[in-house]
Amino acid sequence: MADTQQVDPKAEQKAARLAQQISSFAEAHGGAEGQVAYLGQRGARIVLVGGDGDWGDLVAPSYAIAEKAVEKAGITVHEDFDGEFAAKVRTGPYEWSRMAGIQVGGPSND
């Protein structure tokens, strides 16, 4: 019996692009860990924390695509953004001046 599950090529492409961005972030920051948060109709937020404490986020159009992207990237994914995971975040002048997160590829904390 053939597998009848449909694969959406656009969703697969989006997950692959996100996974590449996640992998690039991890490579630039000595590894990465993440957490996926549901944003409602907007999709899901993937928060990344690098091994060096730098962090950023990406938005996926759906929770399923976000999950597939972090799986493809092979990073550790946390259920919640708290405890030891949250303590790994290093904030700098940019965050303090804006009181908001940075996007992957945005200004650095130097």
C-alpha atoms as a PDB file:
ATOM      1  CA  MET A   1       0.000   0.000   0.000  1.00  0.00           C
ATOM      2  CA  ALA A   2       1.437   3.406  -1.011  1.00  0.00           C
ATOM      3  CA  ASP A   3       1.885   6.260   1.424  1.00  0.00           C
ATOM      4  CA  THR A   4      -1.001   8.656   0.813  1.00  0.00           C
ATOM      5  CA  GLN A   5       0.436  11.550   2.851  1.00  0.00           C
ATOM      6  CA  GLN A   6       0.718  14.636   0.649  1.00  0.00           C
ATOM      7  CA  VAL A   7       3.928  16.650   0.752  1.00  0.00           C
ATOM      8  CA  ASP A   8       3.534  20.356   0.059  1.00  0.00           C
ATOM      9  CA  PRO A   9       6.565  21.326  -2.042  1.00  0.00           C
ATOM     10  CA  LYS A  10       6.370  25.000  -0.976  1.00  0.00           C
ATOM     11  CA  ALA A  11       6.292  24.017   2.706  1.00  0.00           C
ATOM     12  CA  GLU A  12       9.270  21.703   2.164  1.00  0.00           C
ATOM     13  CA  GLN A  13      11.192  24.520   0.435  1.00  0.00           C
ATOM     14  CA  LYS A  14      10.392  26.976   3.229  1.00  0.00           C
ATOM     15  CA  ALA A  15      11.484  24.452   5.879  1.00  0.00           C
ATOM     16  CA  ALA A  16      14.715  23.828   3.960  1.00  0.00           C
ATOM     17  CA  ARG A  17      15.438  27.585   3.705  1.00  0.00           C
ATOM     18  CA  LEU A  18      14.778  28.061   7.422  1.00  0.00           C
ATOM     19  CA  ALA A  19      16.970  25.050   8.240  1.00  0.00           C
ATOM     20  CA  GLN A  20      19.785  26.604   6.207  1.00  0.00           C
ATOM     21  CA  GLN A  21      19.427  29.897   8.096  1.00  0.00           C
ATOM     22  CA  ILE A  22      19.426  28.007  11.409  1.00  0.00           C
ATOM     23  CA  SER A  23      22.520  26.048  10.383  1.00  0.00           C
ATOM     24  CA  SER A  24      24.304  29.245   9.289  1.00  0.00           C
ATOM     25  CA  PHE A  25      23.474  30.857  12.635  1.00  0.00           C
ATOM     26  CA  ALA A  26      24.773  27.776  14.479  1.00  0.00           C
ATOM     27  CA  GLU A  27      27.986  27.771  12.436  1.00  0.00           C
ATOM     28  CA  ALA A  28      28.602  31.457  13.132  1.00  0.00           C
ATOM     29  CA  HIS A  29      27.905  31.191  16.869  1.00  0.00           C
ATOM     30  CA  GLY A  30      29.545  27.973  18.030  1.00  0.00           C
ATOM     31  CA  GLY A  31      26.387  25.853  17.802  1.00  0.00           C
ATOM     32  CA  ALA A  32      22.785  26.662  18.562  1.00  0.00           C
ATOM     33  CA  GLU A  33      19.789  25.569  20.556  1.00  0.00           C
ATOM     34  CA  GLY A  34      16.236  26.649  19.931  1.00  0.00           C
ATOM     35  CA  GLN A  35      12.632  26.858  21.016  1.00  0.00           C
ATOM     36  CA  VAL A  36       9.545  26.957  18.813  1.00  0.00           C
ATOM     37  CA  ALA A  37       6.613  29.117  19.949  1.00  0.00           C
ATOM     38  CA  TYR A  38       3.162  29.167  18.353  1.00  0.00           C
ATOM     39  CA  LEU A  39       2.181  32.645  17.115  1.00  0.00           C
ATOM     40  CA  GLY A  40      -1.404  31.885  16.106  1.00  0.00           C
ATOM     41  CA  GLN A  41      -2.407  32.492  12.507  1.00  0.00           C
ATOM     42  CA  ARG A  42       0.923  34.180  11.829  1.00  0.00           C
ATOM     43  CA  GLY A  43       2.807  30.903  12.290  1.00  0.00           C
ATOM     44  CA  ALA A  44       5.588  30.050  14.708  1.00  0.00           C
ATOM     45  CA  ARG A  45       8.659  31.794  16.084  1.00  0.00           C
ATOM     46  CA  ILE A  46      11.953  29.924  16.206  1.00  0.00           C
ATOM     47  CA  VAL A  47      14.168  31.456  18.891  1.00  0.00           C
ATOM     48  CA  LEU A  48      17.839  30.557  18.515  1.00  0.00           C
ATOM     49  CA  VAL A  49      20.566  30.872  21.146  1.00  0.00           C
ATOM     50  CA  GLY A  50      24.136  30.414  19.967  1.00  0.00           C
ATOM     51  CA  GLY A  51      26.897  28.744  21.899  1.00  0.00           C
ATOM     52  CA  ASP A  52      28.405  32.203  22.365  1.00  0.00           C
ATOM     53  CA  GLY A  53      25.193  33.597  23.887  1.00  0.00           C
ATOM     54  CA  ASP A  54      24.122  35.616  20.846  1.00  0.00           C
ATOM     55  CA  TRP A  55      20.519  35.061  19.880  1.00  0.00           C
ATOM     56  CA  GLY A  56      18.051  35.722  17.144  1.00  0.00           C
ATOM     57  CA  ASP A  57      14.740  34.538  15.830  1.00  0.00           C
ATOM     58  CA  LEU A  58      12.987  33.476  12.667  1.00  0.00           C
ATOM     59  CA  VAL A  59       9.288  33.258  11.861  1.00  0.00           C
ATOM     60  CA  ALA A  60       7.871  30.254  10.024  1.00  0.00           C
ATOM     61  CA  PRO A  61       4.450  30.359   8.348  1.00  0.00           C
ATOM     62  CA  SER A  62       3.279  27.389  10.428  1.00  0.00           C
ATOM     63  CA  TYR A  63       4.255  25.431  13.529  1.00  0.00           C
ATOM     64  CA  ALA A  64       4.717  22.286  11.399  1.00  0.00           C
ATOM     65  CA  ILE A  65       7.186  24.059   9.101  1.00  0.00           C
ATOM     66  CA  ALA A  66       9.099  25.425  12.109  1.00  0.00           C
ATOM     67  CA  GLU A  67       9.337  21.937  13.620  1.00  0.00           C
ATOM     68  CA  LYS A  68      10.547  20.483  10.321  1.00  0.00           C
ATOM     69  CA  ALA A  69      13.153  23.258   9.974  1.00  0.00           C
ATOM     70  CA  VAL A  70      14.696  22.718  13.422  1.00  0.00           C
ATOM     71  CA  GLU A  71      14.650  18.959  12.806  1.00  0.00           C
ATOM     72  CA  LYS A  72      16.459  19.387   9.467  1.00  0.00           C
ATOM     73  CA  ALA A  73      18.997  21.724  11.090  1.00  0.00           C
ATOM     74  CA  GLY A  74      19.660  19.148  13.808  1.00  0.00           C
ATOM     75  CA  ILE A  75      19.667  21.547  16.749  1.00  0.00           C
ATOM     76  CA  THR A  76      18.543  20.810  20.288  1.00  0.00           C
ATOM     77  CA  VAL A  77      14.996  22.109  20.785  1.00  0.00           C
ATOM     78  CA  HIS A  78      13.637  23.096  24.195  1.00  0.00           C
ATOM     79  CA  GLU A  79       9.975  22.953  25.198  1.00  0.00           C
ATOM     80  CA  ASP A  80      10.148  26.300  27.022  1.00  0.00           C
ATOM     81  CA  PHE A  81      12.321  29.388  26.973  1.00  0.00           C
ATOM     82  CA  ASP A  82      13.290  29.363  30.631  1.00  0.00           C
ATOM     83  CA  GLY A  83      15.778  28.047  33.142  1.00  0.00           C
ATOM     84  CA  GLU A  84      19.238  27.045  31.938  1.00  0.00           C
ATOM     85  CA  PHE A  85      18.302  27.666  28.309  1.00  0.00           C
ATOM     86  CA  ALA A  86      17.233  31.286  28.901  1.00  0.00           C
ATOM     87  CA  ALA A  87      20.304  31.873  31.066  1.00  0.00           C
ATOM     88  CA  LYS A  88      22.529  31.217  28.021  1.00  0.00           C
ATOM     89  CA  VAL A  89      21.325  34.410  26.304  1.00  0.00           C
ATOM     90  CA  ARG A  90      23.803  37.291  26.229  1.00  0.00           C
ATOM     91  CA  THR A  91      22.182  40.683  25.811  1.00  0.00           C
ATOM     92  CA  GLY A  92      23.969  43.799  24.749  1.00  0.00           C
ATOM     93  CA  PRO A  93      23.425  47.468  23.999  1.00  0.00           C
ATOM     94  CA  TYR A  94      21.175  46.728  21.050  1.00  0.00           C
ATOM     95  CA  GLU A  95      18.626  44.803  23.132  1.00  0.00           C
ATOM     96  CA  TRP A  96      18.735  47.295  25.976  1.00  0.00           C
ATOM     97  CA  SER A  97      18.163  50.216  23.612  1.00  0.00           C
ATOM     98  CA  ARG A  98      15.304  48.581  21.746  1.00  0.00           C
ATOM     99  CA  MET A  99      13.909  46.274  24.441  1.00  0.00           C
ATOM    100  CA  ALA A 100      13.199  43.795  21.663  1.00  0.00           C
ATOM    101  CA  GLY A 101      14.854  40.748  20.082  1.00  0.00           C
ATOM    102  CA  ILE A 102      17.116  40.813  17.060  1.00  0.00           C
ATOM    103  CA  GLN A 103      16.416  39.077  13.799  1.00  0.00           C
ATOM    104  CA  VAL A 104      18.938  36.567  12.505  1.00  0.00           C
ATOM    105  CA  GLY A 105      21.252  38.587  10.295  1.00  0.00           C
ATOM    106  CA  GLY A 106      20.517  41.859  12.133  1.00  0.00           C
ATOM    107  CA  PRO A 107      23.040  44.148  13.858  1.00  0.00           C
ATOM    108  CA  SER A 108      25.546  42.505  16.162  1.00  0.00           C
ATOM    109  CA  ASN A 109      26.045  43.150  19.884  1.00  0.00           C
ATOM    110  CA  ASP A 110      29.555  44.522  19.401  1.00  0.00           C
END
